[in-house]
Protein backbone atom coordinates (compact mmCIF):
# COMPACT_ATOMS: atom_id res chain seq x y z
CA UNK A 1 132.23 192.14 28.22
CA UNK A 2 130.20 189.48 26.49
CA UNK A 3 127.70 187.47 28.54
CA UNK A 4 128.23 183.68 28.26
CA UNK A 5 125.07 182.58 30.02
CA UNK A 6 123.47 181.20 26.88
CA UNK A 7 126.17 178.56 26.38
CA UNK A 8 125.54 176.87 29.71
CA UNK A 9 122.14 175.47 28.69
CA UNK A 10 123.42 173.65 25.62
CA UNK A 11 126.33 172.01 27.48
CA UNK A 12 123.94 170.64 30.14
CA UNK A 13 121.82 169.10 27.40
CA UNK A 14 124.94 167.53 25.87
CA UNK A 15 125.75 165.76 29.18
CA UNK A 16 122.25 164.26 29.29
CA UNK A 17 122.50 163.15 25.66
CA UNK A 18 125.82 161.40 26.35
CA UNK A 19 124.35 159.65 29.40
CA UNK A 20 121.35 158.45 27.38
CA UNK A 21 123.69 157.11 24.67
CA UNK A 22 125.75 155.24 27.30
CA UNK A 23 122.61 153.68 28.80
CA UNK A 24 121.40 152.59 25.36
CA UNK A 25 124.82 151.09 24.59
CA UNK A 26 124.78 149.07 27.85
CA UNK A 27 121.28 147.76 27.09
CA UNK A 28 122.33 146.65 23.61
CA UNK A 29 125.54 145.02 24.86
CA UNK A 30 123.69 143.30 27.70
CA UNK A 31 121.05 141.87 25.37
CA UNK A 32 123.65 140.65 22.89
CA UNK A 33 125.71 139.00 25.66
CA UNK A 34 122.68 136.90 26.58
CA UNK A 35 122.32 135.75 22.99
CA UNK A 36 126.00 135.01 22.43
CA UNK A 37 126.88 133.67 25.88
CA UNK A 38 129.32 130.77 25.92
CA UNK A 39 128.50 127.63 27.90
CA UNK A 40 131.28 126.92 30.39
CA UNK A 41 131.51 123.36 31.71
CA UNK A 42 132.97 123.17 35.21
CA UNK A 43 131.76 119.68 36.09
CA UNK A 44 135.14 118.00 35.47
CA UNK A 45 136.78 120.51 37.80
CA UNK A 46 134.07 119.94 40.41
CA UNK A 47 134.67 116.19 40.19
CA UNK A 48 138.44 116.66 40.68
CA UNK A 49 137.91 118.89 43.70
CA UNK A 50 135.44 116.45 45.27
CA UNK A 51 137.82 113.50 44.70
CA UNK A 52 140.46 115.46 46.61
CA UNK A 53 138.04 116.30 49.45
CA UNK A 54 136.76 112.71 49.79
CA UNK A 55 140.33 111.34 49.65
CA UNK A 56 141.43 113.63 52.47
CA UNK A 57 138.45 112.48 54.50
CA UNK A 58 138.90 108.73 53.94
CA UNK A 59 142.72 108.54 53.85
CA UNK A 60 144.69 109.79 56.85
CA UNK A 61 148.50 109.77 56.46
CA UNK A 62 148.27 107.08 53.73
CA UNK A 63 146.21 104.86 56.04
CA UNK A 64 142.57 103.81 55.61
CA UNK A 65 140.71 102.58 58.70
CA UNK A 66 138.31 100.11 57.14
CA UNK A 67 136.44 99.48 60.40
CA UNK A 68 135.46 103.17 60.58
CA UNK A 69 134.47 103.20 56.93
CA UNK A 70 132.35 100.03 57.21
CA UNK A 71 130.36 101.47 60.11
CA UNK A 72 129.15 104.45 58.02
CA UNK A 73 125.78 104.58 56.27
CA UNK A 74 126.55 107.67 54.23
CA UNK A 75 129.91 108.68 52.83
CA UNK A 76 128.74 112.30 52.57
CA UNK A 77 127.77 112.41 56.26
CA UNK A 78 131.06 110.75 57.20
CA UNK A 79 133.00 113.47 55.38
CA UNK A 80 130.83 116.31 56.71
CA UNK A 81 128.91 117.25 53.56
CA UNK A 82 125.26 118.24 53.66
CA UNK A 83 123.05 115.90 51.64
CA UNK A 84 121.27 118.76 49.84
CA UNK A 85 124.56 120.20 48.52
CA UNK A 86 125.62 116.78 47.21
CA UNK A 87 122.49 115.90 45.21
CA UNK A 88 124.32 116.42 41.89
CA UNK A 89 127.18 114.06 42.70
CA UNK A 90 127.85 110.34 42.81
CA UNK A 91 130.86 109.11 44.78
CA UNK A 92 132.33 105.61 44.90
CA UNK A 93 135.24 104.59 47.14
CA UNK A 94 136.73 101.16 46.42
CA UNK A 95 139.28 99.75 48.87
CA UNK A 96 141.28 96.75 47.60
CA UNK A 97 143.69 94.94 49.91
CA UNK A 98 145.18 91.52 50.59
CA UNK A 99 144.98 90.28 47.00
CA UNK A 100 141.31 89.49 46.55
CA UNK A 101 139.55 91.31 49.41
CA UNK A 102 137.75 94.54 48.68
CA UNK A 103 135.24 96.93 50.18
CA UNK A 104 133.08 99.42 48.31
CA UNK A 105 131.03 102.33 49.63
CA UNK A 106 128.90 104.54 47.36
CA UNK A 107 126.83 107.62 47.95
CA UNK A 108 124.71 109.80 45.70
CA UNK A 109 122.61 108.94 42.67
CA UNK A 110 124.12 105.96 40.83
CA UNK A 111 121.99 106.87 37.79
CA UNK A 112 124.69 109.42 36.95
CA UNK A 113 126.92 106.48 35.98
CA UNK A 114 124.35 105.48 33.36
CA UNK A 115 124.36 109.00 31.92
CA UNK A 116 128.18 108.98 31.84
CA UNK A 117 128.16 105.61 30.03
CA UNK A 118 125.84 107.00 27.33
CA UNK A 119 128.38 109.72 26.57
CA UNK A 120 131.23 107.18 26.57
CA UNK A 121 129.58 104.88 23.98
CA UNK A 122 130.87 106.97 21.05
CA UNK A 123 127.34 107.66 19.88
CA UNK A 124 126.28 110.96 18.37
CA UNK A 125 125.46 113.12 21.38
CA UNK A 126 126.15 116.48 19.74
CA UNK A 127 122.78 117.96 20.65
CA UNK A 128 123.20 117.18 24.35
CA UNK A 129 126.98 117.49 24.81
CA UNK A 130 126.59 120.45 27.13
CA UNK A 131 124.89 118.10 29.63
CA UNK A 132 127.78 115.63 29.78
CA UNK A 133 128.58 114.85 33.42
CA UNK A 134 132.01 115.50 34.84
CA UNK A 135 133.98 112.41 35.80
CA UNK A 136 137.24 111.84 37.65
CA UNK A 137 138.92 108.79 39.19
CA UNK A 138 142.07 108.72 41.29
CA UNK A 139 143.84 105.72 42.84
CA UNK A 140 146.06 105.87 45.94
CA UNK A 141 148.49 103.33 47.44
CA UNK A 142 147.64 103.00 51.13
CA UNK A 143 147.88 100.83 54.24
CA UNK A 144 144.51 99.33 55.16
CA UNK A 145 143.63 98.79 58.82
CA UNK A 146 141.34 95.78 58.99
CA UNK A 147 142.36 93.36 61.72
CA UNK A 148 145.97 94.31 61.03
CA UNK A 149 147.83 96.41 58.51
CA UNK A 150 147.72 95.32 54.88
CA UNK A 151 148.94 97.16 51.83
CA UNK A 152 146.26 98.09 49.38
CA UNK A 153 144.78 100.62 47.00
CA UNK A 154 141.94 103.08 47.33
CA UNK A 155 140.13 104.25 44.22
CA UNK A 156 137.92 107.33 44.53
CA UNK A 157 135.48 108.01 41.67
CA UNK A 158 133.22 111.04 41.35
CA UNK A 159 130.56 111.80 38.74
CA UNK A 160 129.29 115.40 38.74
CA UNK A 161 125.94 115.79 37.02
CA UNK A 162 124.58 118.78 35.10
CA UNK A 163 122.90 121.30 37.38
């Protein structure tokens, strides 16, 4: 019989060499993914989601109680959001009813509207396009409770700023 003990040492070294090659490959791929990473803009989606959340808070069964809404200082507090998690958002709720009557409540940094307007002016913003804020507006037909029921519209606008 031939002794095969000598072959065992070289196969153990091969396993280590393969492991070292795999580690080196992961390091190279990881470094290149940082260089070639793609910027993904989720601010429009965040704005859509927040419009839905604010609408569910303000509108109950297609009815807006304007007396409740007028008594609130902060729309975010009224809807149960923490102020520190909402620092990158601006929200405006406009209630129009009875022809010419309207009520508006805003919360967040209104300076985000200025930033959004810069991007909407059709100027060359190519160098800063990745900082464009997300924006979404949705209008609902509702009944407004304000000393009686009146038909009206509620417009919810959200601007989500770059984080």
